[in-house]
């Protein structure tokens, strides 16, 4: 039950998005980042 709650919290704060990006090297290109954020683009774009 606690694991389910944690997943919901992390999704609210876009943790999966930024955790995936953090796995990339700091020299990662915009194309590499764009491949990761494609699914979250519609959600994060208005925030940006």
ModelCIF file with pLDDT and N, C-alpha, C, O atoms, coordinates in Angstrom:
data_MODEL
#
_entry.id   MODEL 
#
_entity.id                         1 
_entity.type                       polymer 
_entity.pdbx_number_of_molecules   1 
#
_entity_poly.entity_id                      1 
_entity_poly.type                           'polypeptide(L)' 
_entity_poly.nstd_linkage                   no 
_entity_poly.nstd_monomer                   no 
_entity_poly.pdbx_seq_one_letter_code       
;(UNK)(UNK)(UNK)(UNK)(UNK)(UNK)(UNK)(UNK)(UNK)(UNK)(UNK)(UNK)(UNK)(UNK)(UNK)(UNK)
(UNK)(UNK)(UNK)(UNK)(UNK)(UNK)(UNK)(UNK)(UNK)(UNK)(UNK)(UNK)(UNK)(UNK)(UNK)(UNK)
(UNK)(UNK)(UNK)(UNK)(UNK)(UNK)(UNK)(UNK)(UNK)(UNK)(UNK)(UNK)(UNK)(UNK)(UNK)(UNK)
;
_entity_poly.pdbx_seq_one_letter_code_can   XXXXXXXXXXXXXXXXXXXXXXXXXXXXXXXXXXXXXXXXXXXXXXXX 
_entity_poly.pdbx_strand_id                 A 
#
loop_
_entity_poly_seq.entity_id 
_entity_poly_seq.num 
_entity_poly_seq.mon_id 
_entity_poly_seq.hetero 
1 1  UNK n 
1 2  UNK n 
1 3  UNK n 
1 4  UNK n 
1 5  UNK n 
1 6  UNK n 
1 7  UNK n 
1 8  UNK n 
1 9  UNK n 
1 10 UNK n 
1 11 UNK n 
1 12 UNK n 
1 13 UNK n 
1 14 UNK n 
1 15 UNK n 
1 16 UNK n 
1 17 UNK n 
1 18 UNK n 
1 19 UNK n 
1 20 UNK n 
1 21 UNK n 
1 22 UNK n 
1 23 UNK n 
1 24 UNK n 
1 25 UNK n 
1 26 UNK n 
1 27 UNK n 
1 28 UNK n 
1 29 UNK n 
1 30 UNK n 
1 31 UNK n 
1 32 UNK n 
1 33 UNK n 
1 34 UNK n 
1 35 UNK n 
1 36 UNK n 
1 37 UNK n 
1 38 UNK n 
1 39 UNK n 
1 40 UNK n 
1 41 UNK n 
1 42 UNK n 
1 43 UNK n 
1 44 UNK n 
1 45 UNK n 
1 46 UNK n 
1 47 UNK n 
1 48 UNK n 
#
_struct_asym.id          A 
_struct_asym.entity_id   1 
#
loop_
_ma_qa_metric.id 
_ma_qa_metric.mode 
_ma_qa_metric.name 
_ma_qa_metric.software_group_id 
_ma_qa_metric.type 
1 global pLDDT . pLDDT 
2 local  pLDDT . pLDDT 
#
_ma_qa_metric_global.metric_id      1 
_ma_qa_metric_global.metric_value   75.81 
_ma_qa_metric_global.model_id       1 
_ma_qa_metric_global.ordinal_id     1 
#
loop_
_ma_qa_metric_local.label_asym_id 
_ma_qa_metric_local.label_comp_id 
_ma_qa_metric_local.label_seq_id 
_ma_qa_metric_local.metric_id 
_ma_qa_metric_local.metric_value 
_ma_qa_metric_local.model_id 
_ma_qa_metric_local.ordinal_id 
A UNK 1  2 87.00 1 1  
A UNK 2  2 87.00 1 2  
A UNK 3  2 91.00 1 3  
A UNK 4  2 92.00 1 4  
A UNK 5  2 92.00 1 5  
A UNK 6  2 92.00 1 6  
A UNK 7  2 92.00 1 7  
A UNK 8  2 93.00 1 8  
A UNK 9  2 94.00 1 9  
A UNK 10 2 92.00 1 10 
A UNK 11 2 91.00 1 11 
A UNK 12 2 92.00 1 12 
A UNK 13 2 93.00 1 13 
A UNK 14 2 89.00 1 14 
A UNK 15 2 89.00 1 15 
A UNK 16 2 85.00 1 16 
A UNK 17 2 82.00 1 17 
A UNK 18 2 81.00 1 18 
A UNK 19 2 79.00 1 19 
A UNK 20 2 76.00 1 20 
A UNK 21 2 68.00 1 21 
A UNK 22 2 67.00 1 22 
A UNK 23 2 66.00 1 23 
A UNK 24 2 62.00 1 24 
A UNK 25 2 61.00 1 25 
A UNK 26 2 59.00 1 26 
A UNK 27 2 62.00 1 27 
A UNK 28 2 62.00 1 28 
A UNK 29 2 63.00 1 29 
A UNK 30 2 59.00 1 30 
A UNK 31 2 62.00 1 31 
A UNK 32 2 64.00 1 32 
A UNK 33 2 65.00 1 33 
A UNK 34 2 63.00 1 34 
A UNK 35 2 64.00 1 35 
A UNK 36 2 65.00 1 36 
A UNK 37 2 62.00 1 37 
A UNK 38 2 61.00 1 38 
A UNK 39 2 60.00 1 39 
A UNK 40 2 64.00 1 40 
A UNK 41 2 61.00 1 41 
A UNK 42 2 65.00 1 42 
A UNK 43 2 72.00 1 43 
A UNK 44 2 77.00 1 44 
A UNK 45 2 79.00 1 45 
A UNK 46 2 83.00 1 46 
A UNK 47 2 86.00 1 47 
A UNK 48 2 88.00 1 48 
#
loop_
_atom_site.group_PDB 
_atom_site.id 
_atom_site.type_symbol 
_atom_site.label_atom_id 
_atom_site.label_alt_id 
_atom_site.label_comp_id 
_atom_site.label_asym_id 
_atom_site.label_entity_id 
_atom_site.label_seq_id 
_atom_site.pdbx_PDB_ins_code 
_atom_site.Cartn_x 
_atom_site.Cartn_y 
_atom_site.Cartn_z 
_atom_site.occupancy 
_atom_site.B_iso_or_equiv 
_atom_site.pdbx_formal_charge 
_atom_site.auth_seq_id 
_atom_site.auth_comp_id 
_atom_site.auth_asym_id 
_atom_site.auth_atom_id 
_atom_site.pdbx_PDB_model_num 
ATOM 1   N N  . UNK A 1 1  ? 0.820  -1.212 0.000   1.00 87.00 ? 1  UNK A N  1 
ATOM 2   C CA . UNK A 1 1  ? 0.000  0.000  0.000   1.00 87.00 ? 1  UNK A CA 1 
ATOM 3   C C  . UNK A 1 1  ? 0.848  1.253  0.000   1.00 87.00 ? 1  UNK A C  1 
ATOM 4   O O  . UNK A 1 1  ? 0.534  2.216  -0.699  1.00 87.00 ? 1  UNK A O  1 
ATOM 5   N N  . UNK A 1 2  ? 1.926  1.252  0.781   1.00 87.00 ? 2  UNK A N  1 
ATOM 6   C CA . UNK A 1 2  ? 2.817  2.411  0.823   1.00 87.00 ? 2  UNK A CA 1 
ATOM 7   C C  . UNK A 1 2  ? 3.489  2.626  -0.526  1.00 87.00 ? 2  UNK A C  1 
ATOM 8   O O  . UNK A 1 2  ? 3.682  3.765  -0.950  1.00 87.00 ? 2  UNK A O  1 
ATOM 9   N N  . UNK A 1 3  ? 3.847  1.529  -1.208  1.00 91.00 ? 3  UNK A N  1 
ATOM 10  C CA . UNK A 1 3  ? 4.487  1.642  -2.520  1.00 91.00 ? 3  UNK A CA 1 
ATOM 11  C C  . UNK A 1 3  ? 3.543  2.280  -3.526  1.00 91.00 ? 3  UNK A C  1 
ATOM 12  O O  . UNK A 1 3  ? 3.971  3.091  -4.347  1.00 91.00 ? 3  UNK A O  1 
ATOM 13  N N  . UNK A 1 4  ? 2.269  1.927  -3.475  1.00 92.00 ? 4  UNK A N  1 
ATOM 14  C CA . UNK A 1 4  ? 1.292  2.533  -4.373  1.00 92.00 ? 4  UNK A CA 1 
ATOM 15  C C  . UNK A 1 4  ? 1.179  4.035  -4.127  1.00 92.00 ? 4  UNK A C  1 
ATOM 16  O O  . UNK A 1 4  ? 1.108  4.825  -5.069  1.00 92.00 ? 4  UNK A O  1 
ATOM 17  N N  . UNK A 1 5  ? 1.164  4.414  -2.869  1.00 92.00 ? 5  UNK A N  1 
ATOM 18  C CA . UNK A 1 5  ? 1.067  5.845  -2.536  1.00 92.00 ? 5  UNK A CA 1 
ATOM 19  C C  . UNK A 1 5  ? 2.305  6.591  -3.017  1.00 92.00 ? 5  UNK A C  1 
ATOM 20  O O  . UNK A 1 5  ? 2.197  7.708  -3.523  1.00 92.00 ? 5  UNK A O  1 
ATOM 21  N N  . UNK A 1 6  ? 3.482  5.984  -2.865  1.00 92.00 ? 6  UNK A N  1 
ATOM 22  C CA . UNK A 1 6  ? 4.711  6.644  -3.288  1.00 92.00 ? 6  UNK A CA 1 
ATOM 23  C C  . UNK A 1 6  ? 4.732  6.860  -4.798  1.00 92.00 ? 6  UNK A C  1 
ATOM 24  O O  . UNK A 1 6  ? 5.160  7.913  -5.272  1.00 92.00 ? 6  UNK A O  1 
ATOM 25  N N  . UNK A 1 7  ? 4.273  5.874  -5.546  1.00 92.00 ? 7  UNK A N  1 
ATOM 26  C CA . UNK A 1 7  ? 4.227  6.030  -7.000  1.00 92.00 ? 7  UNK A CA 1 
ATOM 27  C C  . UNK A 1 7  ? 3.317  7.188  -7.394  1.00 92.00 ? 7  UNK A C  1 
ATOM 28  O O  . UNK A 1 7  ? 3.657  7.965  -8.287  1.00 92.00 ? 7  UNK A O  1 
ATOM 29  N N  . UNK A 1 8  ? 2.181  7.310  -6.745  1.00 93.00 ? 8  UNK A N  1 
ATOM 30  C CA . UNK A 1 8  ? 1.261  8.405  -7.056  1.00 93.00 ? 8  UNK A CA 1 
ATOM 31  C C  . UNK A 1 8  ? 1.889  9.758  -6.719  1.00 93.00 ? 8  UNK A C  1 
ATOM 32  O O  . UNK A 1 8  ? 1.731  10.723 -7.467  1.00 93.00 ? 8  UNK A O  1 
ATOM 33  N N  . UNK A 1 9  ? 2.596  9.825  -5.603  1.00 94.00 ? 9  UNK A N  1 
ATOM 34  C CA . UNK A 1 9  ? 3.259  11.076 -5.204  1.00 94.00 ? 9  UNK A CA 1 
ATOM 35  C C  . UNK A 1 9  ? 4.331  11.444 -6.224  1.00 94.00 ? 9  UNK A C  1 
ATOM 36  O O  . UNK A 1 9  ? 4.414  12.597 -6.649  1.00 94.00 ? 9  UNK A O  1 
ATOM 37  N N  . UNK A 1 10 ? 5.140  10.486 -6.615  1.00 92.00 ? 10 UNK A N  1 
ATOM 38  C CA . UNK A 1 10 ? 6.236  10.760 -7.544  1.00 92.00 ? 10 UNK A CA 1 
ATOM 39  C C  . UNK A 1 10 ? 5.710  11.161 -8.919  1.00 92.00 ? 10 UNK A C  1 
ATOM 40  O O  . UNK A 1 10 ? 6.306  12.007 -9.586  1.00 92.00 ? 10 UNK A O  1 
ATOM 41  N N  . UNK A 1 11 ? 4.613  10.569 -9.345  1.00 91.00 ? 11 UNK A N  1 
ATOM 42  C CA . UNK A 1 11 ? 4.034  10.971 -10.617 1.00 91.00 ? 11 UNK A CA 1 
ATOM 43  C C  . UNK A 1 11 ? 3.513  12.406 -10.559 1.00 91.00 ? 11 UNK A C  1 
ATOM 44  O O  . UNK A 1 11 ? 3.624  13.142 -11.540 1.00 91.00 ? 11 UNK A O  1 
ATOM 45  N N  . UNK A 1 12 ? 2.953  12.808 -9.432  1.00 92.00 ? 12 UNK A N  1 
ATOM 46  C CA . UNK A 1 12 ? 2.455  14.179 -9.290  1.00 92.00 ? 12 UNK A CA 1 
ATOM 47  C C  . UNK A 1 12 ? 3.589  15.192 -9.418  1.00 92.00 ? 12 UNK A C  1 
ATOM 48  O O  . UNK A 1 12 ? 3.378  16.302 -9.907  1.00 92.00 ? 12 UNK A O  1 
ATOM 49  N N  . UNK A 1 13 ? 4.790  14.813 -8.980  1.00 93.00 ? 13 UNK A N  1 
ATOM 50  C CA . UNK A 1 13 ? 5.951  15.706 -9.019  1.00 93.00 ? 13 UNK A CA 1 
ATOM 51  C C  . UNK A 1 13 ? 6.861  15.434 -10.225 1.00 93.00 ? 13 UNK A C  1 
ATOM 52  O O  . UNK A 1 13 ? 7.994  15.912 -10.254 1.00 93.00 ? 13 UNK A O  1 
ATOM 53  N N  . UNK A 1 14 ? 6.386  14.678 -11.212 1.00 89.00 ? 14 UNK A N  1 
ATOM 54  C CA . UNK A 1 14 ? 7.152  14.403 -12.427 1.00 89.00 ? 14 UNK A CA 1 
ATOM 55  C C  . UNK A 1 14 ? 8.486  13.716 -12.142 1.00 89.00 ? 14 UNK A C  1 
ATOM 56  O O  . UNK A 1 14 ? 9.445  13.888 -12.894 1.00 89.00 ? 14 UNK A O  1 
ATOM 57  N N  . UNK A 1 15 ? 8.550  12.947 -11.071 1.00 89.00 ? 15 UNK A N  1 
ATOM 58  C CA . UNK A 1 15 ? 9.792  12.260 -10.727 1.00 89.00 ? 15 UNK A CA 1 
ATOM 59  C C  . UNK A 1 15 ? 10.205 11.260 -11.809 1.00 89.00 ? 15 UNK A C  1 
ATOM 60  O O  . UNK A 1 15 ? 11.387 11.210 -12.150 1.00 89.00 ? 15 UNK A O  1 
ATOM 61  N N  . UNK A 1 16 ? 9.276  10.451 -12.372 1.00 85.00 ? 16 UNK A N  1 
ATOM 62  C CA . UNK A 1 16 ? 9.708  9.533  -13.435 1.00 85.00 ? 16 UNK A CA 1 
ATOM 63  C C  . UNK A 1 16 ? 10.374 10.249 -14.605 1.00 85.00 ? 16 UNK A C  1 
ATOM 64  O O  . UNK A 1 16 ? 11.346 9.746  -15.169 1.00 85.00 ? 16 UNK A O  1 
ATOM 65  N N  . UNK A 1 17 ? 9.852  11.434 -14.976 1.00 82.00 ? 17 UNK A N  1 
ATOM 66  C CA . UNK A 1 17 ? 10.423 12.198 -16.084 1.00 82.00 ? 17 UNK A CA 1 
ATOM 67  C C  . UNK A 1 17 ? 11.852 12.622 -15.772 1.00 82.00 ? 17 UNK A C  1 
ATOM 68  O O  . UNK A 1 17 ? 12.764 12.350 -16.553 1.00 82.00 ? 17 UNK A O  1 
ATOM 69  N N  . UNK A 1 18 ? 12.054 13.289 -14.631 1.00 81.00 ? 18 UNK A N  1 
ATOM 70  C CA . UNK A 1 18 ? 13.380 13.818 -14.324 1.00 81.00 ? 18 UNK A CA 1 
ATOM 71  C C  . UNK A 1 18 ? 14.348 12.722 -13.877 1.00 81.00 ? 18 UNK A C  1 
ATOM 72  O O  . UNK A 1 18 ? 15.558 12.868 -14.049 1.00 81.00 ? 18 UNK A O  1 
ATOM 73  N N  . UNK A 1 19 ? 13.844 11.639 -13.311 1.00 79.00 ? 19 UNK A N  1 
ATOM 74  C CA . UNK A 1 19 ? 14.723 10.523 -12.967 1.00 79.00 ? 19 UNK A CA 1 
ATOM 75  C C  . UNK A 1 19 ? 15.269 9.875  -14.228 1.00 79.00 ? 19 UNK A C  1 
ATOM 76  O O  . UNK A 1 19 ? 16.443 9.509  -14.284 1.00 79.00 ? 19 UNK A O  1 
ATOM 77  N N  . UNK A 1 20 ? 14.416 9.733  -15.246 1.00 76.00 ? 20 UNK A N  1 
ATOM 78  C CA . UNK A 1 20 ? 14.873 9.158  -16.515 1.00 76.00 ? 20 UNK A CA 1 
ATOM 79  C C  . UNK A 1 20 ? 15.902 10.064 -17.176 1.00 76.00 ? 20 UNK A C  1 
ATOM 80  O O  . UNK A 1 20 ? 16.900 9.585  -17.714 1.00 76.00 ? 20 UNK A O  1 
ATOM 81  N N  . UNK A 1 21 ? 15.663 11.372 -17.139 1.00 68.00 ? 21 UNK A N  1 
ATOM 82  C CA . UNK A 1 21 ? 16.616 12.310 -17.744 1.00 68.00 ? 21 UNK A CA 1 
ATOM 83  C C  . UNK A 1 21 ? 17.932 12.304 -16.984 1.00 68.00 ? 21 UNK A C  1 
ATOM 84  O O  . UNK A 1 21 ? 18.997 12.420 -17.590 1.00 68.00 ? 21 UNK A O  1 
ATOM 85  N N  . UNK A 1 22 ? 17.872 12.169 -15.653 1.00 67.00 ? 22 UNK A N  1 
ATOM 86  C CA . UNK A 1 22 ? 19.092 12.195 -14.844 1.00 67.00 ? 22 UNK A CA 1 
ATOM 87  C C  . UNK A 1 22 ? 19.995 11.007 -15.130 1.00 67.00 ? 22 UNK A C  1 
ATOM 88  O O  . UNK A 1 22 ? 21.187 11.046 -14.825 1.00 67.00 ? 22 UNK A O  1 
ATOM 89  N N  . UNK A 1 23 ? 19.435 9.939  -15.720 1.00 66.00 ? 23 UNK A N  1 
ATOM 90  C CA . UNK A 1 23 ? 20.256 8.783  -16.065 1.00 66.00 ? 23 UNK A CA 1 
ATOM 91  C C  . UNK A 1 23 ? 21.143 9.076  -17.274 1.00 66.00 ? 23 UNK A C  1 
ATOM 92  O O  . UNK A 1 23 ? 22.127 8.376  -17.510 1.00 66.00 ? 23 UNK A O  1 
ATOM 93  N N  . UNK A 1 24 ? 20.787 10.126 -18.047 1.00 62.00 ? 24 UNK A N  1 
ATOM 94  C CA . UNK A 1 24 ? 21.583 10.485 -19.211 1.00 62.00 ? 24 UNK A CA 1 
ATOM 95  C C  . UNK A 1 24 ? 22.838 11.218 -18.783 1.00 62.00 ? 24 UNK A C  1 
ATOM 96  O O  . UNK A 1 24 ? 22.900 11.792 -17.695 1.00 62.00 ? 24 UNK A O  1 
ATOM 97  N N  . UNK A 1 25 ? 23.831 11.192 -19.646 1.00 61.00 ? 25 UNK A N  1 
ATOM 98  C CA . UNK A 1 25 ? 25.031 11.978 -19.422 1.00 61.00 ? 25 UNK A CA 1 
ATOM 99  C C  . UNK A 1 25 ? 24.687 13.460 -19.518 1.00 61.00 ? 25 UNK A C  1 
ATOM 100 O O  . UNK A 1 25 ? 23.745 13.837 -20.214 1.00 61.00 ? 25 UNK A O  1 
ATOM 101 N N  . UNK A 1 26 ? 25.448 14.302 -18.819 1.00 59.00 ? 26 UNK A N  1 
ATOM 102 C CA . UNK A 1 26 ? 25.158 15.740 -18.827 1.00 59.00 ? 26 UNK A CA 1 
ATOM 103 C C  . UNK A 1 26 ? 25.309 16.338 -20.222 1.00 59.00 ? 26 UNK A C  1 
ATOM 104 O O  . UNK A 1 26 ? 24.795 17.424 -20.493 1.00 59.00 ? 26 UNK A O  1 
ATOM 105 N N  . UNK A 1 27 ? 26.019 15.626 -21.117 1.00 62.00 ? 27 UNK A N  1 
ATOM 106 C CA . UNK A 1 27 ? 26.180 16.127 -22.475 1.00 62.00 ? 27 UNK A CA 1 
ATOM 107 C C  . UNK A 1 27 ? 25.093 15.600 -23.409 1.00 62.00 ? 27 UNK A C  1 
ATOM 108 O O  . UNK A 1 27 ? 25.207 15.736 -24.627 1.00 62.00 ? 27 UNK A O  1 
ATOM 109 N N  . UNK A 1 28 ? 24.044 15.001 -22.853 1.00 62.00 ? 28 UNK A N  1 
ATOM 110 C CA . UNK A 1 28 ? 22.975 14.449 -23.683 1.00 62.00 ? 28 UNK A CA 1 
ATOM 111 C C  . UNK A 1 28 ? 22.380 15.530 -24.574 1.00 62.00 ? 28 UNK A C  1 
ATOM 112 O O  . UNK A 1 28 ? 22.257 16.686 -24.171 1.00 62.00 ? 28 UNK A O  1 
ATOM 113 N N  . UNK A 1 29 ? 22.016 15.142 -25.774 1.00 63.00 ? 29 UNK A N  1 
ATOM 114 C CA . UNK A 1 29 ? 21.463 16.086 -26.736 1.00 63.00 ? 29 UNK A CA 1 
ATOM 115 C C  . UNK A 1 29 ? 19.975 16.279 -26.500 1.00 63.00 ? 29 UNK A C  1 
ATOM 116 O O  . UNK A 1 29 ? 19.335 15.514 -25.778 1.00 63.00 ? 29 UNK A O  1 
ATOM 117 N N  . UNK A 1 30 ? 19.434 17.333 -27.134 1.00 59.00 ? 30 UNK A N  1 
ATOM 118 C CA . UNK A 1 30 ? 17.997 17.585 -27.020 1.00 59.00 ? 30 UNK A CA 1 
ATOM 119 C C  . UNK A 1 30 ? 17.195 16.439 -27.624 1.00 59.00 ? 30 UNK A C  1 
ATOM 120 O O  . UNK A 1 30 ? 16.097 16.133 -27.160 1.00 59.00 ? 30 UNK A O  1 
ATOM 121 N N  . UNK A 1 31 ? 17.750 15.799 -28.669 1.00 62.00 ? 31 UNK A N  1 
ATOM 122 C CA . UNK A 1 31 ? 17.045 14.673 -29.284 1.00 62.00 ? 31 UNK A CA 1 
ATOM 123 C C  . UNK A 1 31 ? 16.898 13.529 -28.290 1.00 62.00 ? 31 UNK A C  1 
ATOM 124 O O  . UNK A 1 31 ? 15.837 12.912 -28.200 1.00 62.00 ? 31 UNK A O  1 
ATOM 125 N N  . UNK A 1 32 ? 17.979 13.240 -27.533 1.00 64.00 ? 32 UNK A N  1 
ATOM 126 C CA . UNK A 1 32 ? 17.922 12.164 -26.541 1.00 64.00 ? 32 UNK A CA 1 
ATOM 127 C C  . UNK A 1 32 ? 16.921 12.492 -25.438 1.00 64.00 ? 32 UNK A C  1 
ATOM 128 O O  . UNK A 1 32 ? 16.150 11.637 -25.003 1.00 64.00 ? 32 UNK A O  1 
ATOM 129 N N  . UNK A 1 33 ? 16.948 13.738 -25.000 1.00 65.00 ? 33 UNK A N  1 
ATOM 130 C CA . UNK A 1 33 ? 15.999 14.149 -23.955 1.00 65.00 ? 33 UNK A CA 1 
ATOM 131 C C  . UNK A 1 33 ? 14.580 14.116 -24.497 1.00 65.00 ? 33 UNK A C  1 
ATOM 132 O O  . UNK A 1 33 ? 13.658 13.690 -23.802 1.00 65.00 ? 33 UNK A O  1 
ATOM 133 N N  . UNK A 1 34 ? 14.397 14.572 -25.756 1.00 63.00 ? 34 UNK A N  1 
ATOM 134 C CA . UNK A 1 34 ? 13.062 14.621 -26.336 1.00 63.00 ? 34 UNK A CA 1 
ATOM 135 C C  . UNK A 1 34 ? 12.450 13.219 -26.432 1.00 63.00 ? 34 UNK A C  1 
ATOM 136 O O  . UNK A 1 34 ? 11.240 13.046 -26.291 1.00 63.00 ? 34 UNK A O  1 
ATOM 137 N N  . UNK A 1 35 ? 13.320 12.212 -26.677 1.00 64.00 ? 35 UNK A N  1 
ATOM 138 C CA . UNK A 1 35 ? 12.815 10.845 -26.759 1.00 64.00 ? 35 UNK A CA 1 
ATOM 139 C C  . UNK A 1 35 ? 12.223 10.396 -25.430 1.00 64.00 ? 35 UNK A C  1 
ATOM 140 O O  . UNK A 1 35 ? 11.291 9.592  -25.401 1.00 64.00 ? 35 UNK A O  1 
ATOM 141 N N  . UNK A 1 36 ? 12.766 10.918 -24.322 1.00 65.00 ? 36 UNK A N  1 
ATOM 142 C CA . UNK A 1 36 ? 12.277 10.546 -22.995 1.00 65.00 ? 36 UNK A CA 1 
ATOM 143 C C  . UNK A 1 36 ? 11.020 11.324 -22.626 1.00 65.00 ? 36 UNK A C  1 
ATOM 144 O O  . UNK A 1 36 ? 10.097 10.772 -22.027 1.00 65.00 ? 36 UNK A O  1 
ATOM 145 N N  . UNK A 1 37 ? 10.984 12.594 -22.979 1.00 62.00 ? 37 UNK A N  1 
ATOM 146 C CA . UNK A 1 37 ? 9.882  13.438 -22.513 1.00 62.00 ? 37 UNK A CA 1 
ATOM 147 C C  . UNK A 1 37 ? 8.667  13.406 -23.439 1.00 62.00 ? 37 UNK A C  1 
ATOM 148 O O  . UNK A 1 37 ? 7.669  14.074 -23.173 1.00 62.00 ? 37 UNK A O  1 
ATOM 149 N N  . UNK A 1 38 ? 8.745  12.636 -24.519 1.00 61.00 ? 38 UNK A N  1 
ATOM 150 C CA . UNK A 1 38 ? 7.638  12.626 -25.479 1.00 61.00 ? 38 UNK A CA 1 
ATOM 151 C C  . UNK A 1 38 ? 6.305  12.345 -24.798 1.00 61.00 ? 38 UNK A C  1 
ATOM 152 O O  . UNK A 1 38 ? 5.323  13.052 -25.026 1.00 61.00 ? 38 UNK A O  1 
ATOM 153 N N  . UNK A 1 39 ? 6.274  11.298 -23.952 1.00 60.00 ? 39 UNK A N  1 
ATOM 154 C CA . UNK A 1 39 ? 5.017  10.928 -23.315 1.00 60.00 ? 39 UNK A CA 1 
ATOM 155 C C  . UNK A 1 39 ? 4.553  11.963 -22.310 1.00 60.00 ? 39 UNK A C  1 
ATOM 156 O O  . UNK A 1 39 ? 3.351  12.122 -22.095 1.00 60.00 ? 39 UNK A O  1 
ATOM 157 N N  . UNK A 1 40 ? 5.503  12.680 -21.682 1.00 64.00 ? 40 UNK A N  1 
ATOM 158 C CA . UNK A 1 40 ? 5.148  13.659 -20.653 1.00 64.00 ? 40 UNK A CA 1 
ATOM 159 C C  . UNK A 1 40 ? 5.032  15.069 -21.215 1.00 64.00 ? 40 UNK A C  1 
ATOM 160 O O  . UNK A 1 40 ? 4.703  16.002 -20.481 1.00 64.00 ? 40 UNK A O  1 
ATOM 161 N N  . UNK A 1 41 ? 5.299  15.237 -22.509 1.00 61.00 ? 41 UNK A N  1 
ATOM 162 C CA . UNK A 1 41 ? 5.333  16.574 -23.096 1.00 61.00 ? 41 UNK A CA 1 
ATOM 163 C C  . UNK A 1 41 ? 4.025  17.318 -22.904 1.00 61.00 ? 41 UNK A C  1 
ATOM 164 O O  . UNK A 1 41 ? 4.023  18.488 -22.524 1.00 61.00 ? 41 UNK A O  1 
ATOM 165 N N  . UNK A 1 42 ? 2.905  16.640 -23.167 1.00 65.00 ? 42 UNK A N  1 
ATOM 166 C CA . UNK A 1 42 ? 1.615  17.308 -23.057 1.00 65.00 ? 42 UNK A CA 1 
ATOM 167 C C  . UNK A 1 42 ? 1.322  17.735 -21.629 1.00 65.00 ? 42 UNK A C  1 
ATOM 168 O O  . UNK A 1 42 ? 0.626  18.725 -21.406 1.00 65.00 ? 42 UNK A O  1 
ATOM 169 N N  . UNK A 1 43 ? 1.854  16.988 -20.652 1.00 72.00 ? 43 UNK A N  1 
ATOM 170 C CA . UNK A 1 43 ? 1.601  17.315 -19.249 1.00 72.00 ? 43 UNK A CA 1 
ATOM 171 C C  . UNK A 1 43 ? 2.519  18.425 -18.759 1.00 72.00 ? 43 UNK A C  1 
ATOM 172 O O  . UNK A 1 43 ? 2.085  19.307 -18.018 1.00 72.00 ? 43 UNK A O  1 
ATOM 173 N N  . UNK A 1 44 ? 3.797  18.388 -19.170 1.00 77.00 ? 44 UNK A N  1 
ATOM 174 C CA . UNK A 1 44 ? 4.767  19.340 -18.622 1.00 77.00 ? 44 UNK A CA 1 
ATOM 175 C C  . UNK A 1 44 ? 4.876  20.616 -19.449 1.00 77.00 ? 44 UNK A C  1 
ATOM 176 O O  . UNK A 1 44 ? 5.354  21.630 -18.940 1.00 77.00 ? 44 UNK A O  1 
ATOM 177 N N  . UNK A 1 45 ? 4.451  20.595 -20.692 1.00 79.00 ? 45 UNK A N  1 
ATOM 178 C CA . UNK A 1 45 ? 4.613  21.770 -21.542 1.00 79.00 ? 45 UNK A CA 1 
ATOM 179 C C  . UNK A 1 45 ? 3.945  23.026 -20.970 1.00 79.00 ? 45 UNK A C  1 
ATOM 180 O O  . UNK A 1 45 ? 4.588  24.075 -20.946 1.00 79.00 ? 45 UNK A O  1 
ATOM 181 N N  . UNK A 1 46 ? 2.689  22.974 -20.507 1.00 83.00 ? 46 UNK A N  1 
ATOM 182 C CA . UNK A 1 46 ? 2.098  24.198 -19.939 1.00 83.00 ? 46 UNK A CA 1 
ATOM 183 C C  . UNK A 1 46 ? 2.818  24.669 -18.684 1.00 83.00 ? 46 UNK A C  1 
ATOM 184 O O  . UNK A 1 46 ? 2.852  25.867 -18.402 1.00 83.00 ? 46 UNK A O  1 
ATOM 185 N N  . UNK A 1 47 ? 3.395  23.738 -17.927 1.00 86.00 ? 47 UNK A N  1 
ATOM 186 C CA . UNK A 1 47 ? 4.154  24.125 -16.741 1.00 86.00 ? 47 UNK A CA 1 
ATOM 187 C C  . UNK A 1 47 ? 5.393  24.896 -17.162 1.00 86.00 ? 47 UNK A C  1 
ATOM 188 O O  . UNK A 1 47 ? 5.730  25.916 -16.561 1.00 86.00 ? 47 UNK A O  1 
ATOM 189 N N  . UNK A 1 48 ? 6.069  24.409 -18.195 1.00 88.00 ? 48 UNK A N  1 
ATOM 190 C CA . UNK A 1 48 ? 7.260  25.088 -18.698 1.00 88.00 ? 48 UNK A CA 1 
ATOM 191 C C  . UNK A 1 48 ? 6.902  26.458 -19.265 1.00 88.00 ? 48 UNK A C  1 
ATOM 192 O O  . UNK A 1 48 ? 7.781  27.180 -19.737 1.00 88.00 ? 48 UNK A O  1 
#
